[in-house]
Protein backbone atom coordinates (compact mmCIF):
# COMPACT_ATOMS: atom_id res chain seq x y z
CA MET A 1 0.00 0.00 0.00
CA ASP A 2 1.22 3.52 -0.82
CA ILE A 3 2.09 5.67 2.22
CA ILE A 4 0.60 9.10 1.54
CA ALA A 5 0.90 10.98 4.86
CA LEU A 6 1.67 10.73 8.59
CA LYS A 7 -0.39 11.25 11.75
CA HIS A 8 1.48 13.43 14.26
CA ASP A 9 -0.15 14.81 17.44
CA ASP A 10 -3.59 14.03 15.94
CA GLN A 11 -2.71 16.13 12.88
CA ILE A 12 -2.47 14.79 9.33
CA ILE A 13 0.93 15.77 7.94
CA ASP A 14 1.66 15.11 4.28
CA LEU A 15 5.01 13.65 3.25
CA GLN A 16 6.15 16.96 1.76
CA THR A 17 5.66 18.75 5.09
CA ALA A 18 7.12 15.87 7.10
CA GLU A 19 10.31 15.97 5.01
CA ALA A 20 10.61 19.76 5.18
CA LEU A 21 10.12 19.93 8.96
CA GLY A 22 11.68 16.63 9.96
CA ILE A 23 8.43 15.22 11.39
CA THR A 24 7.78 11.54 12.09
CA GLY A 25 4.52 9.83 12.97
CA GLU A 26 2.05 7.04 12.32
CA GLU A 27 1.84 6.13 8.64
CA ILE A 28 -1.36 6.81 6.68
CA VAL A 29 -1.79 4.52 3.69
CA TYR A 30 -3.82 5.06 0.54
CA ASP A 31 -7.25 3.61 1.32
CA ASN A 32 -10.78 4.72 2.24
CA SER A 33 -10.06 5.53 5.88
CA PRO A 34 -11.15 9.03 6.99
CA ASP A 35 -7.55 10.28 7.26
CA SER A 36 -6.62 8.94 3.84
CA LEU A 37 -9.75 10.36 2.21
CA GLU A 38 -9.00 13.76 3.75
CA VAL A 39 -5.67 13.82 1.88
CA LEU A 40 -7.06 12.32 -1.32
CA ARG A 41 -10.04 14.66 -1.55
CA HIS A 42 -7.99 17.75 -0.77
CA SER A 43 -5.62 16.82 -3.59
CA CYS A 44 -8.56 16.07 -5.90
CA ALA A 45 -9.85 19.60 -5.27
CA HIS A 46 -6.49 20.96 -6.47
CA LEU A 47 -6.56 18.62 -9.47
CA MET A 48 -9.99 20.03 -10.35
CA ALA A 49 -8.63 23.57 -10.01
CA GLU A 50 -5.68 22.70 -12.26
CA ALA A 51 -8.08 21.35 -14.89
CA ILE A 52 -10.29 24.45 -14.65
CA LYS A 53 -7.24 26.70 -15.04
CA ALA A 54 -6.16 24.74 -18.13
CA LEU A 55 -9.64 25.05 -19.67
CA TYR A 56 -10.40 28.62 -18.58
CA THR A 57 -7.15 30.56 -18.44
CA ASP A 58 -8.80 33.59 -16.82
CA ALA A 59 -9.90 31.54 -13.76
CA LYS A 60 -9.02 32.84 -10.31
CA PHE A 61 -9.36 30.69 -7.18
CA PHE A 62 -10.49 31.38 -3.63
CA VAL A 63 -10.50 28.28 -1.38
CA GLY A 64 -10.92 24.53 -2.00
CA PRO A 65 -11.50 22.63 1.24
CA THR A 66 -12.69 19.13 2.00
CA VAL A 67 -16.18 18.82 3.46
CA LYS A 68 -18.17 15.94 4.92
CA GLU A 69 -19.33 14.75 1.48
CA GLY A 70 -16.15 15.30 -0.53
CA PHE A 71 -14.65 18.65 -1.52
CA TYR A 72 -15.38 21.88 -3.35
CA TYR A 73 -13.55 24.84 -4.86
CA ASP A 74 -14.75 28.42 -5.09
CA PHE A 75 -13.46 30.28 -8.13
CA LYS A 76 -14.24 32.99 -10.65
CA VAL A 77 -14.38 32.72 -14.45
CA ASN A 78 -15.65 35.15 -17.06
CA GLU A 79 -18.29 32.78 -18.42
CA THR A 80 -21.24 30.92 -16.95
CA LEU A 81 -20.62 27.24 -16.30
CA ASN A 82 -23.34 24.59 -15.99
CA GLU A 83 -23.74 20.88 -15.24
CA GLU A 84 -22.61 19.89 -18.76
CA ASP A 85 -19.25 21.61 -18.21
CA LEU A 86 -18.52 19.24 -15.32
CA LYS A 87 -17.96 16.38 -17.78
CA THR A 88 -15.39 18.44 -19.67
CA ILE A 89 -13.58 19.30 -16.44
CA GLU A 90 -13.61 15.64 -15.32
CA LYS A 91 -12.06 14.53 -18.63
CA LYS A 92 -9.31 17.12 -18.26
CA MET A 93 -8.68 15.98 -14.66
CA LEU A 94 -8.21 12.38 -15.84
CA ASP A 95 -5.81 13.52 -18.57
CA ILE A 96 -3.72 15.46 -16.05
CA ALA A 97 -3.75 12.60 -13.53
CA LYS A 98 -2.30 10.25 -16.17
CA GLY A 99 0.78 12.53 -16.26
CA LYS A 100 1.48 11.65 -12.60
CA GLU A 101 2.71 15.16 -11.77
CA LYS A 102 4.40 15.45 -8.40
CA ILE A 103 2.75 17.72 -5.82
CA THR A 104 5.43 19.90 -4.24
CA ARG A 105 5.36 22.34 -1.35
CA TYR A 106 7.30 25.50 -0.59
CA GLU A 107 7.09 28.38 1.87
CA ILE A 108 7.31 32.12 1.31
CA THR A 109 6.50 35.15 3.41
CA LYS A 110 3.04 36.62 3.22
CA GLU A 111 4.60 39.82 1.86
CA GLU A 112 6.20 37.83 -0.98
CA ALA A 113 2.90 36.05 -1.61
CA ARG A 114 1.02 39.35 -1.81
CA ALA A 115 3.51 40.55 -4.43
CA LYS A 116 3.37 37.22 -6.31
CA PHE A 117 -0.42 37.36 -6.52
CA ALA A 118 -0.72 41.16 -6.73
CA ASN A 119 -3.28 41.02 -9.55
CA ASP A 120 -5.43 38.32 -7.96
CA HIS A 121 -7.99 39.79 -5.55
CA LEU A 122 -9.19 36.32 -4.49
CA LYS A 123 -5.68 35.31 -3.38
CA GLN A 124 -5.43 38.61 -1.50
CA ALA A 125 -8.74 37.74 0.24
CA VAL A 126 -7.33 34.33 1.20
CA MET A 127 -4.25 35.96 2.70
CA ASP A 128 -6.47 38.30 4.71
CA ARG A 129 -7.66 35.15 6.51
CA ILE A 130 -4.16 33.82 7.28
CA PRO A 131 -2.78 35.03 10.64
CA SER A 132 0.84 33.89 10.21
CA GLU A 133 3.47 35.83 8.29
CA THR A 134 4.59 32.70 6.42
CA VAL A 135 2.41 30.92 3.88
CA THR A 136 2.73 27.58 2.11
CA ILE A 137 2.13 27.02 -1.58
CA TYR A 138 1.46 23.67 -3.24
CA LYS A 139 2.43 23.24 -6.88
CA GLN A 140 1.61 20.58 -9.49
CA GLY A 141 2.55 21.13 -13.12
CA GLU A 142 1.77 24.74 -14.02
CA PHE A 143 -0.83 25.12 -11.26
CA GLU A 144 -0.08 26.39 -7.77
CA ASP A 145 -2.18 27.73 -4.93
CA LEU A 146 -1.94 28.94 -1.37
CA CYS A 147 -2.71 25.97 0.86
CA ARG A 148 -1.71 24.44 4.17
CA GLY A 149 -2.25 20.87 2.89
CA PRO A 150 -2.24 17.96 3.37
CA HIS A 151 -1.76 16.61 -0.15
CA LEU A 152 -0.81 13.40 -1.93
CA PRO A 153 2.77 13.01 -3.21
CA SER A 154 1.45 12.85 -6.80
CA VAL A 155 -1.75 13.46 -8.77
CA GLY A 156 -1.22 10.01 -10.29
CA LEU A 157 -2.96 8.46 -7.26
CA ILE A 158 -6.21 10.26 -8.10
CA ARG A 159 -8.32 8.00 -10.28
CA TYR A 160 -11.79 7.45 -8.85
CA PHE A 161 -13.70 10.72 -8.55
CA LYS A 162 -16.85 12.46 -9.71
CA LEU A 163 -17.85 16.12 -9.88
CA THR A 164 -21.32 16.20 -8.38
CA LYS A 165 -22.73 19.70 -8.36
CA ILE A 166 -22.19 23.29 -9.48
CA SER A 167 -23.67 26.28 -7.70
CA GLY A 168 -23.06 29.88 -6.76
CA ALA A 169 -21.35 30.90 -3.53
CA TYR A 170 -20.67 34.32 -2.06
CA LEU A 171 -17.02 35.17 -1.42
CA GLY A 172 -16.34 34.12 2.16
CA GLY A 173 -20.02 33.19 2.63
CA ASP A 174 -21.01 36.87 2.94
CA SER A 175 -23.98 37.92 0.80
CA LYS A 176 -22.53 41.44 0.61
CA ASN A 177 -19.60 40.09 -1.41
CA GLU A 178 -19.35 39.01 -5.05
CA MET A 179 -20.77 35.72 -6.27
CA LEU A 180 -18.29 32.99 -7.17
CA THR A 181 -18.76 29.62 -8.86
CA ARG A 182 -18.54 26.55 -6.62
CA ILE A 183 -18.05 23.01 -7.87
CA TYR A 184 -18.44 20.04 -5.53
CA GLY A 185 -16.87 16.64 -6.01
CA ILE A 186 -16.23 13.30 -4.38
CA ALA A 187 -13.24 10.94 -4.52
CA PHE A 188 -12.41 7.46 -3.25
CA ALA A 189 -9.40 5.17 -3.25
CA ASP A 190 -11.11 2.47 -5.32
CA LYS A 191 -13.68 2.08 -8.08
CA GLU A 192 -16.12 0.00 -5.98
CA SER A 193 -16.46 2.66 -3.27
CA LEU A 194 -17.08 5.38 -5.83
CA LYS A 195 -19.75 3.25 -7.53
CA ALA A 196 -21.46 2.49 -4.20
CA TYR A 197 -21.51 6.20 -3.38
CA LEU A 198 -22.91 7.19 -6.77
CA ASP A 199 -25.58 4.46 -6.51
CA GLN A 200 -26.55 5.84 -3.10
CA MET A 201 -26.74 9.36 -4.56
CA ALA A 202 -28.94 8.12 -7.41
CA GLU A 203 -31.27 6.50 -4.89
CA ALA A 204 -31.21 9.68 -2.80
CA GLU A 205 -32.27 11.68 -5.86
CA LYS A 206 -35.27 9.40 -6.33
CA ARG A 207 -36.15 9.93 -2.67
CA ASP A 208 -35.66 13.72 -2.69
CA HIS A 209 -38.27 15.02 -0.24
CA ARG A 210 -38.85 18.13 -2.35
CA LYS A 211 -39.89 16.00 -5.34
CA ILE A 212 -41.94 13.51 -3.30
CA GLY A 213 -43.42 16.35 -1.24
CA ALA A 214 -44.67 17.97 -4.45
CA GLU A 215 -46.10 14.69 -5.77
CA MET A 216 -47.88 13.96 -2.49
CA LYS A 217 -48.86 17.62 -1.98
CA LEU A 218 -47.32 17.77 1.50
CA PHE A 219 -45.81 21.28 1.43
CA THR A 220 -44.77 24.06 -0.90
CA PHE A 221 -42.58 27.15 -1.04
CA ARG A 222 -43.66 30.34 -2.78
CA GLU A 223 -41.28 33.07 -3.91
CA GLU A 224 -43.77 35.80 -2.99
CA VAL A 225 -43.97 34.42 0.57
CA GLY A 226 -40.20 34.37 1.05
CA ALA A 227 -37.33 31.91 0.84
CA GLY A 228 -37.13 29.47 3.72
CA PHE A 229 -40.76 29.78 4.83
CA PRO A 230 -42.62 26.53 4.12
CA ILE A 231 -46.37 26.36 3.54
CA TRP A 232 -47.96 23.14 4.78
CA LEU A 233 -50.64 21.80 2.44
CA PRO A 234 -53.58 19.73 3.80
CA ALA A 235 -51.90 16.32 3.39
CA GLY A 236 -48.66 17.49 5.00
CA ALA A 237 -50.51 19.25 7.79
CA ARG A 238 -52.44 16.05 8.53
CA MET A 239 -49.23 14.06 8.75
CA ARG A 240 -47.57 16.64 10.95
CA SER A 241 -50.64 16.73 13.19
CA ARG A 242 -50.42 12.96 13.69
CA LEU A 243 -46.80 13.31 14.74
CA GLU A 244 -47.73 16.08 17.15
CA GLN A 245 -50.57 14.06 18.69
CA LEU A 246 -48.40 10.97 19.19
CA LEU A 247 -45.66 13.05 20.80
CA PHE A 248 -48.10 15.02 22.97
CA LYS A 249 -49.40 11.83 24.55
CA ALA A 250 -45.86 10.45 24.94
CA HIS A 251 -44.71 13.62 26.71
CA ARG A 252 -47.65 13.64 29.09
CA LYS A 253 -47.03 9.99 29.99
CA ARG A 254 -43.45 10.92 30.91
CA GLY A 255 -44.48 13.76 33.21
CA TYR A 256 -43.95 16.74 30.88
CA GLU A 257 -46.28 19.75 31.16
CA PRO A 258 -47.27 21.68 28.02
CA VAL A 259 -46.37 25.39 28.02
CA ARG A 260 -46.16 28.11 25.40
CA GLY A 261 -43.93 31.16 25.23
CA PRO A 262 -44.28 34.23 22.99
CA GLU A 263 -42.53 34.32 19.62
CA MET A 264 -40.93 37.68 20.42
CA LEU A 265 -39.27 38.75 23.66
CA ARG A 266 -37.55 41.98 24.62
CA SER A 267 -33.91 42.11 23.62
CA ASP A 268 -32.94 42.69 27.26
CA LEU A 269 -33.74 39.01 27.90
CA TRP A 270 -31.66 37.86 24.95
CA LYS A 271 -28.77 39.91 26.34
CA VAL A 272 -29.05 38.20 29.72
CA SER A 273 -29.17 34.78 28.07
CA GLY A 274 -26.20 35.56 25.83
CA HIS A 275 -28.08 34.95 22.59
CA TYR A 276 -27.80 38.63 21.67
CA GLN A 277 -24.01 38.57 21.88
CA ASN A 278 -23.36 35.01 20.69
CA TYR A 279 -26.24 34.26 18.32
CA GLY A 280 -27.45 37.70 17.27
CA GLU A 281 -26.39 37.34 13.63
CA ASN A 282 -28.87 34.46 13.31
CA MET A 283 -31.78 36.38 14.86
CA TYR A 284 -34.43 38.81 13.60
CA PHE A 285 -35.07 42.01 15.54
CA THR A 286 -37.79 44.65 15.49
CA ASN A 287 -38.82 47.71 17.50
CA ILE A 288 -42.14 48.18 19.30
CA ASP A 289 -42.87 51.33 21.36
CA GLU A 290 -39.20 52.28 21.05
CA LEU A 291 -38.14 48.98 22.62
CA GLU A 292 -36.12 46.38 20.73
CA PHE A 293 -37.54 42.86 20.53
CA GLY A 294 -35.89 39.67 19.27
CA VAL A 295 -37.88 37.00 17.43
CA LYS A 296 -37.00 33.80 19.29
CA PRO A 297 -34.47 31.44 17.67
CA MET A 298 -34.91 29.02 20.60
CA ASN A 299 -37.56 28.38 23.24
CA CYS A 300 -35.36 28.25 26.35
CA VAL A 301 -35.88 31.83 27.56
CA GLY A 302 -39.67 31.48 27.44
CA HIS A 303 -39.44 28.30 29.51
CA ILE A 304 -37.17 30.03 32.01
CA LYS A 305 -39.93 32.60 32.48
CA VAL A 306 -42.41 29.76 33.09
CA TYR A 307 -40.07 28.41 35.79
CA GLU A 308 -39.78 31.85 37.38
CA HIS A 309 -43.56 32.19 37.65
CA ASP A 310 -43.67 30.12 40.88
CA LEU A 311 -41.44 29.47 43.86
CA HIS A 312 -40.01 25.96 43.83
CA SER A 313 -38.82 23.45 46.39
CA TYR A 314 -36.49 20.51 45.83
CA ARG A 315 -39.62 18.38 46.21
CA ASP A 316 -41.02 19.94 43.00
CA LEU A 317 -38.06 18.89 40.88
CA PRO A 318 -37.65 17.72 38.23
CA LEU A 319 -39.97 20.08 36.38
CA LYS A 320 -40.43 19.22 32.71
CA TYR A 321 -41.91 21.72 30.24
CA PHE A 322 -42.50 21.02 26.56
CA GLU A 323 -43.68 23.11 23.64
CA TYR A 324 -44.06 22.82 19.91
CA GLY A 325 -42.24 26.10 19.63
CA VAL A 326 -42.12 28.08 16.40
CA VAL A 327 -38.68 29.65 16.01
CA HIS A 328 -37.01 31.82 13.38
CA ARG A 329 -33.35 31.83 12.40
CA HIS A 330 -31.62 33.86 9.73
CA GLU A 331 -30.09 31.28 7.40
CA MET A 332 -28.02 32.26 4.38
CA THR A 333 -30.06 31.99 1.17
CA GLY A 334 -27.56 29.56 -0.35
CA ALA A 335 -27.90 27.24 2.66
CA LEU A 336 -31.69 26.85 2.36
CA HIS A 337 -32.72 23.37 1.21
CA GLY A 338 -36.34 22.21 1.17
CA LEU A 339 -37.50 21.34 4.68
CA PHE A 340 -33.97 20.48 5.79
CA ARG A 341 -32.85 24.10 6.20
CA VAL A 342 -35.53 26.76 6.59
CA ARG A 343 -35.91 30.11 8.34
CA GLU A 344 -39.09 29.25 10.24
CA PHE A 345 -39.54 25.88 11.90
CA THR A 346 -41.17 24.20 14.87
CA GLN A 347 -39.10 22.37 17.46
CA ASP A 348 -40.37 19.51 19.61
CA ASP A 349 -38.67 21.36 22.41
CA ALA A 350 -38.52 20.60 26.12
CA HIS A 351 -36.63 21.87 29.15
CA ILE A 352 -36.07 19.95 32.35
CA PHE A 353 -35.22 21.81 35.56
CA CYS A 354 -33.66 19.42 38.06
CA THR A 355 -31.18 19.05 40.91
CA ALA A 356 -27.56 18.06 40.25
CA ASP A 357 -28.32 14.63 41.73
CA GLN A 358 -31.10 14.09 39.19
CA ILE A 359 -28.98 14.74 36.07
CA GLU A 360 -28.07 11.13 35.40
CA GLN A 361 -31.62 9.81 35.74
CA GLN A 362 -33.03 12.56 33.53
CA ILE A 363 -30.42 12.03 30.82
CA ILE A 364 -31.12 8.29 30.79
CA GLU A 365 -34.89 8.88 30.61
CA VAL A 366 -34.43 11.18 27.61
CA VAL A 367 -32.13 8.68 25.89
CA ASP A 368 -34.79 6.00 26.45
CA PHE A 369 -37.40 8.32 24.90
CA VAL A 370 -35.09 8.86 21.90
CA ASP A 371 -34.55 5.11 21.57
CA LYS A 372 -38.29 4.40 21.51
CA ILE A 373 -38.98 6.97 18.77
CA MET A 374 -36.02 6.05 16.57
CA LYS A 375 -36.77 2.33 16.71
CA THR A 376 -40.41 3.05 15.85
CA PHE A 377 -39.28 4.70 12.62
CA GLU A 378 -36.65 2.00 11.95
CA PHE A 379 -33.67 4.32 12.34
CA ASN A 380 -30.30 3.21 13.65
CA TYR A 381 -28.60 5.97 15.61
CA LYS A 382 -25.47 6.95 17.47
CA MET A 383 -24.78 9.57 20.11
CA MET A 384 -22.07 12.23 20.15
CA ILE A 385 -21.01 14.30 23.18
CA SER A 386 -20.25 17.78 21.83
CA THR A 387 -17.88 19.90 23.91
CA LYS A 388 -17.25 23.63 24.44
CA PRO A 389 -17.14 25.66 21.20
CA GLU A 390 -14.91 28.69 20.58
CA LYS A 391 -17.87 31.04 21.04
CA ALA A 392 -19.26 30.24 24.50
CA VAL A 393 -20.52 31.74 27.74
CA GLY A 394 -19.61 30.61 31.25
CA ASP A 395 -16.47 29.62 33.12
CA ASP A 396 -14.27 26.73 32.00
CA ALA A 397 -14.87 25.08 35.39
CA VAL A 398 -18.64 25.06 34.80
CA TRP A 399 -18.14 23.62 31.32
CA GLU A 400 -15.91 20.89 32.71
CA ILE A 401 -18.47 19.97 35.40
CA SER A 402 -21.35 19.80 32.90
CA THR A 403 -19.36 17.90 30.24
CA ASN A 404 -18.20 15.35 32.84
CA ALA A 405 -21.80 14.97 34.05
CA LEU A 406 -22.88 13.93 30.54
CA LYS A 407 -19.99 11.50 30.18
CA THR A 408 -20.65 10.01 33.62
CA ALA A 409 -24.35 9.47 32.86
CA MET A 410 -23.48 7.69 29.61
CA ASP A 411 -20.58 5.67 31.05
CA LYS A 412 -22.46 4.47 34.13
CA ASN A 413 -25.26 3.16 31.94
CA ASN A 414 -22.95 1.56 29.35
CA LEU A 415 -24.18 3.82 26.56
CA ALA A 416 -21.80 4.19 23.61
CA TYR A 417 -20.87 7.66 22.39
CA GLU A 418 -18.27 9.55 20.38
CA ILE A 419 -16.73 12.96 21.12
CA ASP A 420 -17.29 16.00 18.87
CA GLU A 421 -14.71 18.50 20.11
CA GLY A 422 -16.00 22.08 19.98
CA GLY A 423 -19.47 21.10 18.79
CA GLY A 424 -21.45 22.20 21.86
CA ALA A 425 -24.04 24.97 22.10
CA PHE A 426 -22.65 28.31 23.26
CA TYR A 427 -24.24 27.84 26.70
CA GLY A 428 -23.43 24.17 27.38
CA PRO A 429 -22.23 20.76 26.17
CA LYS A 430 -24.69 18.40 24.53
CA ILE A 431 -25.44 14.91 23.32
CA ASP A 432 -26.29 14.95 19.62
CA ILE A 433 -28.42 12.15 18.16
CA LYS A 434 -27.29 11.14 14.66
CA ILE A 435 -29.58 8.76 12.82
CA THR A 436 -28.92 6.55 9.79
CA ASP A 437 -31.68 6.26 7.19
CA ALA A 438 -32.75 3.43 4.89
CA ILE A 439 -29.99 4.10 2.33
CA GLY A 440 -27.18 4.63 4.84
CA ARG A 441 -27.09 8.42 5.11
CA GLU A 442 -26.46 10.07 8.46
CA TRP A 443 -28.63 12.91 9.78
CA GLN A 444 -28.34 15.15 12.80
CA CYS A 445 -31.68 15.11 14.63
CA GLY A 446 -32.25 15.31 18.35
CA THR A 447 -30.10 16.92 21.00
CA ILE A 448 -29.78 16.78 24.80
CA GLN A 449 -27.99 19.82 26.21
CA LEU A 450 -26.82 20.23 29.80
CA ASP A 451 -26.80 23.83 30.98
CA PHE A 452 -25.48 25.35 34.21
CA ASN A 453 -24.99 28.76 32.55
CA LEU A 454 -28.53 30.00 31.80
CA PRO A 455 -29.82 29.20 35.34
CA MET A 456 -26.86 31.19 36.64
CA ARG A 457 -27.42 34.12 34.28
CA PHE A 458 -31.13 34.32 35.15
CA GLU A 459 -30.48 33.64 38.86
CA LEU A 460 -32.89 30.71 38.97
CA GLU A 461 -33.29 28.97 42.30
CA TYR A 462 -35.22 26.47 44.38
CA ASN A 463 -35.42 25.83 48.13
CA GLY A 464 -33.20 22.97 49.25
CA GLU A 465 -33.77 20.58 52.15
CA GLU A 466 -32.04 22.98 54.56
CA ASN A 467 -34.19 25.85 53.27
CA VAL A 468 -31.25 27.34 51.39
CA LYS A 469 -31.48 28.71 47.86
CA ILE A 470 -29.91 26.38 45.25
CA GLN A 471 -29.45 26.88 41.52
CA PRO A 472 -31.24 24.23 39.41
CA VAL A 473 -29.67 22.49 36.44
CA MET A 474 -31.37 23.03 33.07
CA ILE A 475 -31.53 20.31 30.40
CA HIS A 476 -32.50 21.44 26.89
CA ARG A 477 -33.97 18.61 24.85
CA ALA A 478 -35.40 18.07 21.38
CA ILE A 479 -35.83 14.58 19.93
CA LEU A 480 -37.05 15.15 16.38
CA GLY A 481 -35.12 18.40 16.23
CA SER A 482 -37.82 20.12 14.23
CA PHE A 483 -41.02 18.86 12.62
CA GLU A 484 -39.92 20.32 9.27
CA ARG A 485 -36.55 18.59 9.13
CA PHE A 486 -37.87 15.32 10.56
CA VAL A 487 -40.72 15.15 8.03
CA GLY A 488 -38.15 15.73 5.28
CA ILE A 489 -35.96 12.92 6.65
CA LEU A 490 -38.95 10.58 7.05
CA THR A 491 -40.04 11.31 3.47
CA GLU A 492 -36.65 10.28 2.10
CA HIS A 493 -36.25 7.37 4.55
CA TYR A 494 -39.54 5.81 3.43
CA ALA A 495 -39.47 7.24 -0.12
CA GLY A 496 -42.94 8.59 0.68
CA GLU A 497 -44.29 5.10 1.54
CA PHE A 498 -45.06 6.09 5.12
CA PRO A 499 -46.24 3.50 7.63
CA MET A 500 -50.02 3.51 8.06
CA PHE A 501 -49.89 5.15 11.50
CA ILE A 502 -48.11 8.26 10.19
CA ALA A 503 -49.33 8.45 6.57
CA PRO A 504 -50.82 11.84 5.62
CA THR A 505 -53.79 10.08 3.99
CA GLN A 506 -54.43 6.62 5.37
CA VAL A 507 -57.43 5.63 3.28
CA ALA A 508 -58.34 6.75 -0.24
CA ILE A 509 -62.05 6.26 -0.94
CA VAL A 510 -62.90 5.91 -4.64
CA PRO A 511 -66.65 5.73 -5.43
CA ILE A 512 -67.17 4.26 -8.92
CA ALA A 513 -70.23 6.40 -9.73
CA PRO A 514 -72.19 9.28 -8.13
CA THR A 515 -74.67 6.74 -6.73
CA HIS A 516 -71.89 5.36 -4.53
CA GLU A 517 -70.83 8.70 -3.04
CA ALA A 518 -73.29 8.61 -0.13
CA TYR A 519 -71.73 5.38 1.15
CA ALA A 520 -68.27 6.91 0.62
CA ARG A 521 -69.17 9.81 2.93
CA GLU A 522 -70.73 7.46 5.46
CA LEU A 523 -67.47 5.50 5.60
CA ALA A 524 -65.46 8.73 5.78
CA ASP A 525 -67.37 9.79 8.92
CA LYS A 526 -66.64 6.44 10.55
CA LEU A 527 -62.94 6.72 9.69
CA ILE A 528 -62.77 10.18 11.25
CA ASP A 529 -64.38 8.79 14.41
CA LEU A 530 -61.58 6.20 14.53
CA GLY A 531 -58.94 8.92 14.16
CA ALA A 532 -57.99 7.95 10.60
CA ASP A 533 -57.46 10.46 7.78
CA PHE A 534 -59.06 9.98 4.37
CA GLU A 535 -59.60 11.57 0.99
CA ILE A 536 -62.59 10.93 -1.27
CA PHE A 537 -61.57 10.79 -4.93
CA ASP A 538 -64.87 11.69 -6.61
CA LYS A 539 -63.79 14.12 -9.33
CA ASN A 540 -65.44 13.89 -12.73
CA GLU A 541 -62.63 11.71 -14.10
CA SER A 542 -62.30 8.10 -15.17
CA LEU A 543 -62.10 5.48 -12.43
CA ASN A 544 -58.60 4.46 -13.49
CA LYS A 545 -57.32 8.03 -13.37
CA ARG A 546 -58.73 8.55 -9.86
CA ILE A 547 -57.08 5.32 -8.68
CA ARG A 548 -53.78 6.39 -10.27
CA THR A 549 -54.00 9.76 -8.50
CA ALA A 550 -54.47 8.00 -5.16
CA GLU A 551 -51.53 5.73 -5.91
CA LYS A 552 -49.36 8.70 -6.83
CA GLY A 553 -50.15 10.06 -3.37
CA ARG A 554 -48.74 6.78 -1.95
CA VAL A 555 -51.91 6.21 0.11
CA PRO A 556 -51.51 2.93 2.06
CA MET A 557 -55.09 1.74 1.41
CA ILE A 558 -57.35 2.43 -1.53
CA ILE A 559 -60.95 1.28 -1.30
CA VAL A 560 -63.17 1.15 -4.37
CA LEU A 561 -66.93 1.32 -3.85
CA GLY A 562 -69.45 0.04 -6.40
CA ASP A 563 -72.92 -1.50 -6.32
CA GLU A 564 -71.78 -4.68 -4.61
CA GLU A 565 -70.02 -2.79 -1.80
CA VAL A 566 -72.96 -0.45 -1.23
CA ASN A 567 -75.51 -3.28 -1.23
CA ASN A 568 -73.48 -5.62 1.00
CA LYS A 569 -71.80 -2.99 3.21
CA SER A 570 -68.45 -4.45 2.20
CA ILE A 571 -65.11 -2.99 1.23
CA ALA A 572 -62.86 -3.80 -1.75
CA VAL A 573 -59.34 -3.01 -0.51
CA ARG A 574 -56.19 -2.35 -2.51
CA ASP A 575 -53.41 -2.55 0.10
CA ARG A 576 -50.42 -0.63 -1.26
CA ARG A 577 -48.05 -1.72 1.51
CA SER A 578 -48.70 -5.47 1.20
CA ARG A 579 -49.36 -5.27 -2.57
CA GLU A 580 -52.58 -7.25 -2.10
CA GLN A 581 -56.25 -6.87 -3.02
CA TYR A 582 -58.95 -8.34 -0.81
CA ASN A 583 -62.54 -7.88 0.37
CA LEU A 584 -63.70 -7.30 3.94
CA SER A 585 -66.95 -6.56 5.70
CA GLU A 586 -67.30 -2.96 6.79
CA GLU A 587 -66.93 -4.01 10.43
CA ASP A 588 -63.72 -5.96 9.79
CA PHE A 589 -62.30 -3.17 7.63
CA LEU A 590 -62.86 -0.52 10.30
CA ALA A 591 -61.40 -2.82 12.98
CA MET A 592 -58.31 -3.36 10.83
CA VAL A 593 -57.81 0.38 10.22
CA LYS A 594 -58.21 1.09 13.93
CA GLN A 595 -55.62 -1.52 14.79
CA LYS A 596 -53.10 -0.29 12.19
CA ILE A 597 -53.26 3.40 13.11
CA ASN A 598 -52.99 2.69 16.82
CA GLU A 599 -50.27 0.04 16.75
CA VAL A 600 -47.56 2.58 17.64
CA HIS A 601 -47.06 4.39 20.93
CA PHE A 602 -43.99 6.37 21.85
């Protein structure tokens, strides 16, 4: 196996850097391990840039990092590129790779680099982001770029890659700056892994929740309403309502009390909480009666005000509040993506106020709640403990106590977890729930956050056993994350073929002729009484077209009513999930529907 880099002090060091600085470490070989792919994909980004420069000599380059799903490069050319141009760039990349050019590294001062790239405003922007006075440049053939690495020894190792997407991207992610072109790509060490990835992407495209959502009429977005603000159509609203009802009952069974906070609070409160200083760029603000208000990006401050409404004793704790809280966050336009990334969404949010001694039990109860829900929807999942980020409030000692409390709760109960350094919320560490869907993709969903900081900042207290005032611990908790994102994930997980208990329309009623419509409505009333949702397909269209429309909506059960069904009070069922057709008496049909829609409890 080719050795392509070294691991030194948890840092990936390429062979060029190791030789220049005399560094030794653990060898990284050319394979599909995360460390190897980091080097391969970074080098593939530079190979793509070299090909672009060869094809478009006026091209100027900003940055080309690796990301979770491959790599990208931001650059500027004087013509508009599209998806078809990706094939041309790929062909050029393969031609260059066959030449097996060596990738070399050298250092110069930033002053020398500014002179070298004096006519390149994008390189000057890159150097504005580099704090050191020395910069490194990587060169292959005629192409070179500012970069800190790591890179392969040669482009000849790059063989199995695909350019996946082209889009626009603002310089530095700031919408006030110029628009650049961004091309994404993926690379692997072998042909089989690339094929498996591309097959997964093809399947993901078929399952795209935006496409299925349009076909099933679940939700829509309208330009005149505003980007990132979803509109729930009747079918989608029915599905969402079923989720809400199931979760409401599950929360109440676990001792949670429903509450509701306002969607705007005075900015003074957001300053106390730290959101104003640490999250303000993601918030919307307005003025009322010469006072500034912040539209809530989170529900925690409202729940703190609920807690403050009464005096509390240690005997009252834990107190558990939950809310389907509508929040607003200012997301960059380029980051918006169907229901996955929106500007208005509803969290299945809860906050637990407890004593320090109750932390472990509460964490375990929430994890059990998560487990029940994820298994119901056939998701595998893993948990990550996310630690203090760069932008944070509170003392290091408090962060250490709260992070250790999470680890202790998990360790004592033999629960597996990984560490995400620096991934915590600004007010506390958290456990992130990452689920894996039906085609192997990973999604960030729920979160359990331990917070000593907000109770301290708002001076929350309860009376202890010795009648002394004690600060409670606050646990922030969302399991779905948001209804919007979770519905999007469910749609792609099931490819729209939702289980009966959660389907937006559970029964499609198709009367053959107008004389059968009265019985259709009679059955519809009985389904509503059972708690099942229905649609009657009685438009002035052919029977086959109405059945096809119901099938396009992926309705689990289609019932067709004609003379025989009306006369005998029977039901002709087309079961989409089992791919069967059968006849039942009305009584047996209703009993079956009742059983299927109530078979799940969180």
